C-alpha atoms as a PDB file:
ATOM      1  CA  MET A   1       0.087   0.216   0.101  1.00  0.00           C
ATOM      2  CA  ARG A   2       3.162   2.182  -0.189  1.00  0.00           C
ATOM      3  CA  GLU A   3       2.302   5.348  -1.990  1.00  0.00           C
ATOM      4  CA  THR A   4       6.047   6.583  -2.725  1.00  0.00           C
ATOM      5  CA  SER A   5       9.491   5.086  -2.729  1.00  0.00           C
ATOM      6  CA  VAL A   6      13.253   5.987  -3.056  1.00  0.00           C
ATOM      7  CA  THR A   7      15.658   3.982  -4.984  1.00  0.00           C
ATOM      8  CA  PRO A   8      19.029   4.714  -5.593  1.00  0.00           C
ATOM      9  CA  SER A   9      18.364   4.675  -9.506  1.00  0.00           C
ATOM     10  CA  GLN A  10      16.329   8.288  -8.292  1.00  0.00           C
ATOM     11  CA  LEU A  11      19.680   9.716  -7.160  1.00  0.00           C
ATOM     12  CA  ILE A  12      22.624  11.658  -8.691  1.00  0.00           C
ATOM     13  CA  TYR A  13      25.897  12.116  -6.566  1.00  0.00           C
ATOM     14  CA  PRO A  14      27.987  15.261  -6.770  1.00  0.00           C
ATOM     15  CA  LEU A  15      31.746  14.911  -7.424  1.00  0.00           C
ATOM     16  CA  PHE A  16      34.095  17.967  -6.933  1.00  0.00           C
ATOM     17  CA  VAL A  17      37.130  17.436  -9.453  1.00  0.00           C
ATOM     18  CA  VAL A  18      40.239  19.413  -9.045  1.00  0.00           C
ATOM     19  CA  PRO A  19      43.421  19.297 -10.944  1.00  0.00           C
ATOM     20  CA  GLY A  20      46.192  16.838 -10.482  1.00  0.00           C
ATOM     21  CA  GLN A  21      45.999  12.935 -10.256  1.00  0.00           C
ATOM     22  CA  GLY A  22      45.748  10.617  -7.044  1.00  0.00           C
ATOM     23  CA  VAL A  23      44.221  13.420  -5.092  1.00  0.00           C
ATOM     24  CA  ARG A  24      41.466  12.701  -2.634  1.00  0.00           C
ATOM     25  CA  ARG A  25      41.249  15.252   0.060  1.00  0.00           C
ATOM     26  CA  GLU A  26      38.021  15.047   2.228  1.00  0.00           C
ATOM     27  CA  ILE A  27      36.005  18.382   2.155  1.00  0.00           C
ATOM     28  CA  GLU A  28      36.190  19.822   5.838  1.00  0.00           C
ATOM     29  CA  THR A  29      32.415  21.214   5.772  1.00  0.00           C
ATOM     30  CA  LEU A  30      31.315  18.255   3.750  1.00  0.00           C
ATOM     31  CA  PRO A  31      32.198  14.803   5.544  1.00  0.00           C
ATOM     32  CA  GLY A  32      32.645  12.015   3.636  1.00  0.00           C
ATOM     33  CA  CYS A  33      32.678  14.134   0.403  1.00  0.00           C
ATOM     34  CA  PHE A  34      36.102  14.738  -1.132  1.00  0.00           C
ATOM     35  CA  HIS A  35      38.049  16.944  -3.952  1.00  0.00           C
ATOM     36  CA  LEU A  36      38.927  14.601  -6.424  1.00  0.00           C
ATOM     37  CA  SER A  37      41.756  14.408  -9.388  1.00  0.00           C
ATOM     38  CA  ALA A  38      40.217  12.914 -12.528  1.00  0.00           C
ATOM     39  CA  ASP A  39      41.349   9.378 -11.920  1.00  0.00           C
ATOM     40  CA  GLU A  40      40.051   9.291  -8.418  1.00  0.00           C
ATOM     41  CA  ALA A  41      36.830  10.892  -9.718  1.00  0.00           C
ATOM     42  CA  ALA A  42      36.443   7.841 -12.010  1.00  0.00           C
ATOM     43  CA  ARG A  43      36.828   5.628  -8.993  1.00  0.00           C
ATOM     44  CA  GLU A  44      34.094   7.367  -7.352  1.00  0.00           C
ATOM     45  CA  ALA A  45      32.027   6.885 -10.395  1.00  0.00           C
ATOM     46  CA  ARG A  46      32.325   3.215 -10.617  1.00  0.00           C
ATOM     47  CA  ASP A  47      31.175   3.126  -7.000  1.00  0.00           C
ATOM     48  CA  ALA A  48      28.508   4.747  -7.880  1.00  0.00           C
ATOM     49  CA  GLU A  49      27.487   2.554 -10.625  1.00  0.00           C
ATOM     50  CA  GLN A  50      28.135  -0.571  -8.876  1.00  0.00           C
ATOM     51  CA  LEU A  51      25.798   0.720  -6.163  1.00  0.00           C
ATOM     52  CA  GLY A  52      22.916   1.424  -8.819  1.00  0.00           C
ATOM     53  CA  LEU A  53      22.813   5.217  -8.595  1.00  0.00           C
ATOM     54  CA  ALA A  54      21.569   7.093 -11.879  1.00  0.00           C
ATOM     55  CA  GLY A  55      24.519   9.167 -12.440  1.00  0.00           C
ATOM     56  CA  VAL A  56      27.244  11.913 -11.030  1.00  0.00           C
ATOM     57  CA  ILE A  57      27.259  15.748 -11.250  1.00  0.00           C
ATOM     58  CA  LEU A  58      30.370  17.305 -11.567  1.00  0.00           C
ATOM     59  CA  PHE A  59      31.635  20.801  -9.945  1.00  0.00           C
ATOM     60  CA  GLY A  60      34.972  22.164 -11.068  1.00  0.00           C
ATOM     61  CA  LEU A  61      37.806  23.758  -9.276  1.00  0.00           C
ATOM     62  CA  PRO A  62      40.492  25.116 -11.730  1.00  0.00           C
ATOM     63  CA  GLU A  63      43.856  25.771 -11.100  1.00  0.00           C
ATOM     64  CA  GLY A  64      43.399  29.509 -11.607  1.00  0.00           C
ATOM     65  CA  LYS A  65      40.541  31.914 -11.599  1.00  0.00           C
ATOM     66  CA  ASP A  66      39.821  35.368 -13.729  1.00  0.00           C
ATOM     67  CA  GLU A  67      37.458  37.805 -14.359  1.00  0.00           C
ATOM     68  CA  GLN A  68      35.966  35.560 -17.029  1.00  0.00           C
ATOM     69  CA  GLY A  69      36.364  32.177 -15.605  1.00  0.00           C
ATOM     70  CA  SER A  70      38.141  31.393 -18.886  1.00  0.00           C
ATOM     71  CA  GLN A  71      39.185  27.830 -17.282  1.00  0.00           C
ATOM     72  CA  GLY A  72      35.556  26.826 -17.283  1.00  0.00           C
ATOM     73  CA  LEU A  73      35.528  27.380 -20.945  1.00  0.00           C
ATOM     74  CA  SER A  74      38.737  25.176 -21.915  1.00  0.00           C
ATOM     75  CA  GLU A  75      38.161  21.733 -23.480  1.00  0.00           C
ATOM     76  CA  GLY A  76      41.214  20.832 -21.358  1.00  0.00           C
ATOM     77  CA  GLY A  77      39.521  22.204 -18.106  1.00  0.00           C
ATOM     78  CA  VAL A  78      39.002  20.141 -14.989  1.00  0.00           C
ATOM     79  CA  VAL A  79      35.552  19.206 -15.473  1.00  0.00           C
ATOM     80  CA  PRO A  80      36.070  17.909 -19.214  1.00  0.00           C
ATOM     81  CA  THR A  81      38.984  15.830 -18.496  1.00  0.00           C
ATOM     82  CA  ALA A  82      36.904  14.216 -15.470  1.00  0.00           C
ATOM     83  CA  VAL A  83      34.113  13.589 -17.875  1.00  0.00           C
ATOM     84  CA  ARG A  84      36.591  11.823 -20.266  1.00  0.00           C
ATOM     85  CA  ALA A  85      37.793   9.591 -17.436  1.00  0.00           C
ATOM     86  CA  ILE A  86      34.445   9.179 -16.164  1.00  0.00           C
ATOM     87  CA  ARG A  87      32.898   7.776 -19.016  1.00  0.00           C
ATOM     88  CA  ALA A  88      36.094   5.465 -19.822  1.00  0.00           C
ATOM     89  CA  ALA A  89      35.381   4.088 -16.691  1.00  0.00           C
ATOM     90  CA  CYS A  90      31.513   3.385 -16.403  1.00  0.00           C
ATOM     91  CA  ARG A  91      29.444   1.872 -18.995  1.00  0.00           C
ATOM     92  CA  ASP A  92      25.663   3.318 -17.650  1.00  0.00           C
ATOM     93  CA  LEU A  93      26.326   6.019 -15.148  1.00  0.00           C
ATOM     94  CA  LEU A  94      25.101   9.398 -16.325  1.00  0.00           C
ATOM     95  CA  VAL A  95      27.405  12.247 -16.532  1.00  0.00           C
ATOM     96  CA  VAL A  96      26.141  15.658 -15.821  1.00  0.00           C
ATOM     97  CA  THR A  97      27.982  18.573 -15.544  1.00  0.00           C
ATOM     98  CA  ASP A  98      27.037  21.616 -13.686  1.00  0.00           C
ATOM     99  CA  VAL A  99      27.573  24.643 -16.048  1.00  0.00           C
ATOM    100  CA  CYS A 100      28.179  28.139 -14.083  1.00  0.00           C
ATOM    101  CA  LEU A 101      31.189  30.777 -13.899  1.00  0.00           C
ATOM    102  CA  CYS A 102      31.203  31.053 -10.069  1.00  0.00           C
ATOM    103  CA  GLU A 103      34.135  28.453  -9.644  1.00  0.00           C
ATOM    104  CA  TYR A 104      36.100  29.801 -12.218  1.00  0.00           C
ATOM    105  CA  THR A 105      35.737  33.770 -11.775  1.00  0.00           C
ATOM    106  CA  SER A 106      37.952  35.661  -9.310  1.00  0.00           C
ATOM    107  CA  HIS A 107      34.891  37.454  -8.015  1.00  0.00           C
ATOM    108  CA  GLY A 108      33.193  34.593  -7.715  1.00  0.00           C
ATOM    109  CA  HIS A 109      29.916  35.594  -9.127  1.00  0.00           C
ATOM    110  CA  CYS A 110      28.033  33.371 -12.163  1.00  0.00           C
ATOM    111  CA  GLY A 111      28.317  35.837 -14.594  1.00  0.00           C
ATOM    112  CA  VAL A 112      30.376  38.417 -16.080  1.00  0.00           C
ATOM    113  CA  LEU A 113      30.864  41.466 -13.539  1.00  0.00           C
ATOM    114  CA  ARG A 114      31.050  44.869 -14.299  1.00  0.00           C
ATOM    115  CA  GLY A 115      31.561  47.227 -11.120  1.00  0.00           C
ATOM    116  CA  ASP A 116      28.823  45.433  -8.743  1.00  0.00           C
ATOM    117  CA  GLU A 117      26.302  44.400 -11.295  1.00  0.00           C
ATOM    118  CA  VAL A 118      26.238  41.105 -13.096  1.00  0.00           C
ATOM    119  CA  LEU A 119      25.661  41.137 -16.948  1.00  0.00           C
ATOM    120  CA  ASN A 120      23.241  39.031 -18.031  1.00  0.00           C
ATOM    121  CA  ASP A 121      23.680  38.633 -21.823  1.00  0.00           C
ATOM    122  CA  PRO A 122      27.521  38.942 -22.238  1.00  0.00           C
ATOM    123  CA  THR A 123      27.305  35.957 -19.668  1.00  0.00           C
ATOM    124  CA  LEU A 124      25.099  33.602 -22.121  1.00  0.00           C
ATOM    125  CA  GLU A 125      27.863  33.089 -24.793  1.00  0.00           C
ATOM    126  CA  LEU A 126      30.320  32.021 -22.086  1.00  0.00           C
ATOM    127  CA  LEU A 127      27.739  29.399 -20.470  1.00  0.00           C
ATOM    128  CA  ALA A 128      27.007  28.344 -24.094  1.00  0.00           C
ATOM    129  CA  ARG A 129      30.959  27.900 -24.482  1.00  0.00           C
ATOM    130  CA  MET A 130      31.296  25.884 -21.464  1.00  0.00           C
ATOM    131  CA  ALA A 131      28.565  23.483 -22.402  1.00  0.00           C
ATOM    132  CA  VAL A 132      29.864  22.768 -25.323  1.00  0.00           C
ATOM    133  CA  ALA A 133      33.036  22.088 -24.123  1.00  0.00           C
ATOM    134  CA  HIS A 134      31.187  19.520 -21.753  1.00  0.00           C
ATOM    135  CA  ALA A 135      29.337  17.816 -24.401  1.00  0.00           C
ATOM    136  CA  ARG A 136      32.424  17.634 -26.486  1.00  0.00           C
ATOM    137  CA  ALA A 137      33.917  15.518 -23.823  1.00  0.00           C
ATOM    138  CA  GLY A 138      30.967  13.044 -23.537  1.00  0.00           C
ATOM    139  CA  ALA A 139      28.688  14.738 -20.590  1.00  0.00           C
ATOM    140  CA  HIS A 140      25.379  13.401 -21.431  1.00  0.00           C
ATOM    141  CA  VAL A 141      23.803  16.360 -19.648  1.00  0.00           C
ATOM    142  CA  VAL A 142      24.536  19.906 -18.884  1.00  0.00           C
ATOM    143  CA  ALA A 143      23.042  21.609 -15.974  1.00  0.00           C
ATOM    144  CA  PRO A 144      23.094  25.633 -15.852  1.00  0.00           C
ATOM    145  CA  SER A 145      23.034  26.473 -12.301  1.00  0.00           C
ATOM    146  CA  ASP A 146      23.954  30.518 -12.980  1.00  0.00           C
ATOM    147  CA  MET A 147      20.265  31.787 -12.934  1.00  0.00           C
ATOM    148  CA  MET A 148      21.139  33.945 -15.842  1.00  0.00           C
ATOM    149  CA  ASP A 149      17.829  34.933 -18.111  1.00  0.00           C
ATOM    150  CA  GLY A 150      17.687  33.064 -21.541  1.00  0.00           C
ATOM    151  CA  ARG A 151      20.766  30.817 -20.816  1.00  0.00           C
ATOM    152  CA  VAL A 152      18.729  27.578 -21.537  1.00  0.00           C
ATOM    153  CA  GLY A 153      18.038  29.060 -25.097  1.00  0.00           C
ATOM    154  CA  ALA A 154      21.637  29.764 -25.683  1.00  0.00           C
ATOM    155  CA  ILE A 155      22.820  26.757 -24.250  1.00  0.00           C
ATOM    156  CA  ARG A 156      20.181  24.261 -26.682  1.00  0.00           C
ATOM    157  CA  ARG A 157      21.110  26.583 -29.644  1.00  0.00           C
ATOM    158  CA  ALA A 158      25.000  26.352 -29.093  1.00  0.00           C
ATOM    159  CA  LEU A 159      24.873  22.371 -28.477  1.00  0.00           C
ATOM    160  CA  ASP A 160      22.560  21.821 -31.385  1.00  0.00           C
ATOM    161  CA  ALA A 161      24.931  24.108 -33.807  1.00  0.00           C
ATOM    162  CA  ASP A 162      27.780  22.269 -32.504  1.00  0.00           C
ATOM    163  CA  GLY A 163      25.805  18.719 -33.404  1.00  0.00           C
ATOM    164  CA  HIS A 164      25.231  17.880 -29.933  1.00  0.00           C
ATOM    165  CA  GLY A 165      21.296  17.586 -30.111  1.00  0.00           C
ATOM    166  CA  GLU A 166      21.160  14.556 -27.823  1.00  0.00           C
ATOM    167  CA  VAL A 167      22.839  15.974 -24.808  1.00  0.00           C
ATOM    168  CA  ALA A 168      19.992  16.702 -22.549  1.00  0.00           C
ATOM    169  CA  LEU A 169      19.557  20.070 -20.712  1.00  0.00           C
ATOM    170  CA  LEU A 170      18.717  19.931 -16.870  1.00  0.00           C
ATOM    171  CA  SER A 171      17.978  23.739 -16.019  1.00  0.00           C
ATOM    172  CA  TYR A 172      18.183  24.727 -11.910  1.00  0.00           C
ATOM    173  CA  ALA A 173      15.088  26.605 -13.105  1.00  0.00           C
ATOM    174  CA  ALA A 174      13.987  27.442  -9.406  1.00  0.00           C
ATOM    175  CA  LYS A 175      17.201  28.363  -7.293  1.00  0.00           C
ATOM    176  CA  TYR A 176      16.735  30.454  -4.407  1.00  0.00           C
ATOM    177  CA  ALA A 177      19.405  32.862  -2.774  1.00  0.00           C
ATOM    178  CA  SER A 178      19.430  30.564   0.006  1.00  0.00           C
ATOM    179  CA  ALA A 179      21.384  30.487   3.245  1.00  0.00           C
ATOM    180  CA  PHE A 180      21.939  26.657   2.778  1.00  0.00           C
ATOM    181  CA  TYR A 181      24.689  26.874   0.184  1.00  0.00           C
ATOM    182  CA  GLY A 182      27.349  27.606   2.727  1.00  0.00           C
ATOM    183  CA  PRO A 183      29.266  24.096   2.640  1.00  0.00           C
ATOM    184  CA  PHE A 184      29.145  24.053  -0.744  1.00  0.00           C
ATOM    185  CA  ARG A 185      30.730  27.701  -1.503  1.00  0.00           C
ATOM    186  CA  ALA A 186      33.278  26.826   1.009  1.00  0.00           C
ATOM    187  CA  ALA A 187      34.105  23.066  -1.080  1.00  0.00           C
ATOM    188  CA  ALA A 188      33.986  24.742  -4.456  1.00  0.00           C
ATOM    189  CA  ASP A 189      35.687  28.110  -3.191  1.00  0.00           C
ATOM    190  CA  SER A 190      32.913  30.338  -4.874  1.00  0.00           C
ATOM    191  CA  ALA A 191      31.625  32.500  -2.467  1.00  0.00           C
ATOM    192  CA  PRO A 192      31.076  36.279  -3.892  1.00  0.00           C
ATOM    193  CA  GLN A 193      34.107  38.428  -3.038  1.00  0.00           C
ATOM    194  CA  VAL A 194      31.486  41.291  -3.436  1.00  0.00           C
ATOM    195  CA  GLY A 195      28.297  41.670  -2.563  1.00  0.00           C
ATOM    196  CA  ASP A 196      25.874  38.496  -3.243  1.00  0.00           C
ATOM    197  CA  ARG A 197      23.850  36.633  -5.606  1.00  0.00           C
ATOM    198  CA  ARG A 198      20.255  37.796  -4.299  1.00  0.00           C
ATOM    199  CA  GLY A 199      20.344  40.026  -7.769  1.00  0.00           C
ATOM    200  CA  TYR A 200      19.780  37.023 -10.116  1.00  0.00           C
ATOM    201  CA  GLN A 201      18.811  33.635  -7.608  1.00  0.00           C
ATOM    202  CA  MET A 202      15.274  34.150  -6.379  1.00  0.00           C
ATOM    203  CA  ASP A 203      13.490  35.340  -3.250  1.00  0.00           C
ATOM    204  CA  PRO A 204      12.916  32.801  -0.911  1.00  0.00           C
ATOM    205  CA  ALA A 205       9.416  34.420  -0.323  1.00  0.00           C
ATOM    206  CA  ASN A 206       8.278  33.628  -3.603  1.00  0.00           C
ATOM    207  CA  ALA A 207       6.397  30.710  -5.291  1.00  0.00           C
ATOM    208  CA  ARG A 208       4.515  31.865  -8.081  1.00  0.00           C
ATOM    209  CA  GLU A 209       7.738  33.477  -9.772  1.00  0.00           C
ATOM    210  CA  ALA A 210       8.818  29.702  -9.577  1.00  0.00           C
ATOM    211  CA  LEU A 211       6.363  28.792 -11.479  1.00  0.00           C
ATOM    212  CA  ARG A 212       7.014  31.433 -14.370  1.00  0.00           C
ATOM    213  CA  GLU A 213      10.737  30.534 -14.364  1.00  0.00           C
ATOM    214  CA  VAL A 214      10.102  27.027 -14.696  1.00  0.00           C
ATOM    215  CA  ARG A 215       7.566  27.419 -17.585  1.00  0.00           C
ATOM    216  CA  LEU A 216       9.758  30.102 -19.526  1.00  0.00           C
ATOM    217  CA  ASP A 217      13.071  27.149 -19.030  1.00  0.00           C
ATOM    218  CA  VAL A 218      10.789  24.706 -20.503  1.00  0.00           C
ATOM    219  CA  ASP A 219       9.742  26.631 -23.601  1.00  0.00           C
ATOM    220  CA  GLU A 220      13.487  27.444 -23.841  1.00  0.00           C
ATOM    221  CA  GLY A 221      13.966  23.810 -24.562  1.00  0.00           C
ATOM    222  CA  ALA A 222      14.801  22.457 -21.052  1.00  0.00           C
ATOM    223  CA  ASP A 223      14.558  18.519 -20.787  1.00  0.00           C
ATOM    224  CA  ILE A 224      14.226  18.818 -16.559  1.00  0.00           C
ATOM    225  CA  VAL A 225      13.621  21.445 -14.103  1.00  0.00           C
ATOM    226  CA  MET A 226      14.988  21.533 -11.037  1.00  0.00           C
ATOM    227  CA  VAL A 227      13.780  23.113  -7.666  1.00  0.00           C
ATOM    228  CA  LYS A 228      17.221  24.305  -5.267  1.00  0.00           C
ATOM    229  CA  PRO A 229      17.042  23.766  -2.388  1.00  0.00           C
ATOM    230  CA  ALA A 230      14.926  20.824  -1.816  1.00  0.00           C
ATOM    231  CA  LEU A 231      13.907  20.780   1.833  1.00  0.00           C
ATOM    232  CA  PRO A 232      12.471  24.696   2.893  1.00  0.00           C
ATOM    233  CA  TYR A 233      10.843  24.202  -0.919  1.00  0.00           C
ATOM    234  CA  LEU A 234       9.037  21.243  -0.851  1.00  0.00           C
ATOM    235  CA  ASP A 235       5.778  23.119  -1.380  1.00  0.00           C
ATOM    236  CA  VAL A 236       7.560  24.597  -4.590  1.00  0.00           C
ATOM    237  CA  VAL A 237       8.697  21.045  -6.088  1.00  0.00           C
ATOM    238  CA  ARG A 238       4.796  20.243  -5.749  1.00  0.00           C
ATOM    239  CA  ALA A 239       3.494  23.355  -7.220  1.00  0.00           C
ATOM    240  CA  VAL A 240       6.247  22.728 -10.069  1.00  0.00           C
ATOM    241  CA  ARG A 241       5.415  19.256 -10.621  1.00  0.00           C
ATOM    242  CA  GLU A 242       1.821  19.805 -11.411  1.00  0.00           C
ATOM    243  CA  VAL A 243       2.422  22.561 -13.929  1.00  0.00           C
ATOM    244  CA  VAL A 244       4.851  21.230 -16.293  1.00  0.00           C
ATOM    245  CA  ASP A 245       5.316  17.634 -18.042  1.00  0.00           C
ATOM    246  CA  VAL A 246       8.758  17.242 -17.897  1.00  0.00           C
ATOM    247  CA  PRO A 247      10.562  15.685 -15.005  1.00  0.00           C
ATOM    248  CA  VAL A 248      11.290  17.678 -12.256  1.00  0.00           C
ATOM    249  CA  ALA A 249      14.829  17.416  -9.882  1.00  0.00           C
ATOM    250  CA  ALA A 250      15.379  18.684  -6.950  1.00  0.00           C
ATOM    251  CA  TYR A 251      18.960  19.313  -5.193  1.00  0.00           C
ATOM    252  CA  ASN A 252      18.968  18.091  -1.417  1.00  0.00           C
ATOM    253  CA  VAL A 253      22.058  20.662  -1.051  1.00  0.00           C
ATOM    254  CA  SER A 254      25.034  21.098   1.405  1.00  0.00           C
ATOM    255  CA  GLY A 255      23.562  22.565   4.239  1.00  0.00           C
ATOM    256  CA  GLU A 256      21.012  20.244   4.470  1.00  0.00           C
ATOM    257  CA  TYR A 257      23.203  17.428   4.658  1.00  0.00           C
ATOM    258  CA  ALA A 258      25.794  19.218   6.935  1.00  0.00           C
ATOM    259  CA  MET A 259      23.057  19.647   9.458  1.00  0.00           C
ATOM    260  CA  VAL A 260      22.539  15.932   9.634  1.00  0.00           C
ATOM    261  CA  LYS A 261      25.951  14.920   9.432  1.00  0.00           C
ATOM    262  CA  ALA A 262      26.903  17.128  12.201  1.00  0.00           C
ATOM    263  CA  ALA A 263      23.620  16.040  14.255  1.00  0.00           C
ATOM    264  CA  ALA A 264      24.373  12.237  13.637  1.00  0.00           C
ATOM    265  CA  GLU A 265      28.115  13.077  14.727  1.00  0.00           C
ATOM    266  CA  ARG A 266      27.075  13.873  17.719  1.00  0.00           C
ATOM    267  CA  GLY A 267      24.667  11.147  18.538  1.00  0.00           C
ATOM    268  CA  TRP A 268      21.597  13.113  18.407  1.00  0.00           C
ATOM    269  CA  ILE A 269      19.527  11.631  15.497  1.00  0.00           C
ATOM    270  CA  ASP A 270      19.342   8.145  13.754  1.00  0.00           C
ATOM    271  CA  GLU A 271      21.143   9.038  10.581  1.00  0.00           C
ATOM    272  CA  GLU A 272      19.802   6.269   8.351  1.00  0.00           C
ATOM    273  CA  ARG A 273      16.794   6.879   9.652  1.00  0.00           C
ATOM    274  CA  ILE A 274      16.489  10.797   8.931  1.00  0.00           C
ATOM    275  CA  VAL A 275      17.897  10.689   5.435  1.00  0.00           C
ATOM    276  CA  LYS A 276      15.551   7.807   4.350  1.00  0.00           C
ATOM    277  CA  GLU A 277      13.038  10.021   5.678  1.00  0.00           C
ATOM    278  CA  LEU A 278      14.005  13.324   4.272  1.00  0.00           C
ATOM    279  CA  LEU A 279      14.905  11.873   0.801  1.00  0.00           C
ATOM    280  CA  LEU A 280      11.020  10.219   0.825  1.00  0.00           C
ATOM    281  CA  SER A 281       9.922  13.888   1.546  1.00  0.00           C
ATOM    282  CA  ILE A 282      11.477  15.090  -1.449  1.00  0.00           C
ATOM    283  CA  ARG A 283      10.033  12.304  -3.446  1.00  0.00           C
ATOM    284  CA  ARG A 284       6.506  12.570  -2.258  1.00  0.00           C
ATOM    285  CA  ALA A 285       6.262  16.324  -2.973  1.00  0.00           C
ATOM    286  CA  GLY A 286       7.055  15.428  -6.689  1.00  0.00           C
ATOM    287  CA  ALA A 287      10.459  15.136  -7.492  1.00  0.00           C
ATOM    288  CA  ASN A 288      11.424  12.282 -10.190  1.00  0.00           C
ATOM    289  CA  VAL A 289      15.133  12.739  -9.189  1.00  0.00           C
ATOM    290  CA  ILE A 290      17.202  14.107  -6.122  1.00  0.00           C
ATOM    291  CA  ILE A 291      20.678  15.261  -6.319  1.00  0.00           C
ATOM    292  CA  THR A 292      22.145  14.581  -2.884  1.00  0.00           C
ATOM    293  CA  TYR A 293      25.400  14.199  -1.089  1.00  0.00           C
ATOM    294  CA  HIS A 294      23.565  11.126   0.816  1.00  0.00           C
ATOM    295  CA  ALA A 295      23.344   9.034  -2.376  1.00  0.00           C
ATOM    296  CA  LYS A 296      26.084   6.476  -1.745  1.00  0.00           C
ATOM    297  CA  ASP A 297      25.079   6.018   2.063  1.00  0.00           C
ATOM    298  CA  PHE A 298      21.592   5.753   1.040  1.00  0.00           C
ATOM    299  CA  ALA A 299      22.355   2.996  -1.258  1.00  0.00           C
ATOM    300  CA  ARG A 300      24.073   1.155   1.057  1.00  0.00           C
ATOM    301  CA  TRP A 301      21.279   1.099   3.419  1.00  0.00           C
ATOM    302  CA  ALA A 302      18.613   0.734   0.667  1.00  0.00           C
END
């Protein structure tokens, strides 16, 4: 009689990839997660595949940063290098790549910066170039997380023009300006150096706006739309599920994960039961797929 279920095949596991070889360095703010060189990321991806996870999503930490985030556009960058290594090591695992400038820019913003203003339209070309570089490396899905207006259409056109019509597009369609991103920003070294991201990420008070955002992204060619974060926005996940006919993803973000880990380490909660319950709640709200740092642990418990 159970109405809702969670399986490993509905989960995507985030990986943080760095330059070098043989690098496996635990991330202080995300216990159990690591900075991984491409060879180590391939090993981690093989583990994920053997555990039955749907896929991995890659975030890159480059050797250097500049105003334009140019290392993120290179086909020899950390993410394309890791994509090739993972595709060589895994047969069936879905490889998703995060498309955003924040990890590659010296100022930490998701777009081109002029003074204290993020410029929407000049950013679109750079995002499209990054997505094409990832597709050429073998990414199955590209996932723009920047929240610039029009980036889904720009990326779709660039992928199609470069012969990558088969590459799917997962849009961070309703990404809120949330306090739950802190552990990730430390892990990815992507905190803004000036100002914040409230000018282009969504106001946590707004739900109807999320529906406008997801409809726009679907119209521009998004194959999957995502709500981020997940747990404080389950009402938004449900509302999005009811208005679109494409798959819906939700991101169980770093702050949500870190709070569970911290309480579990102190013996205050039963980690396995808590994780199973929170992932079930995201599925029950309507998410078809969940990006979560708990993915490997859940697969071992399932």
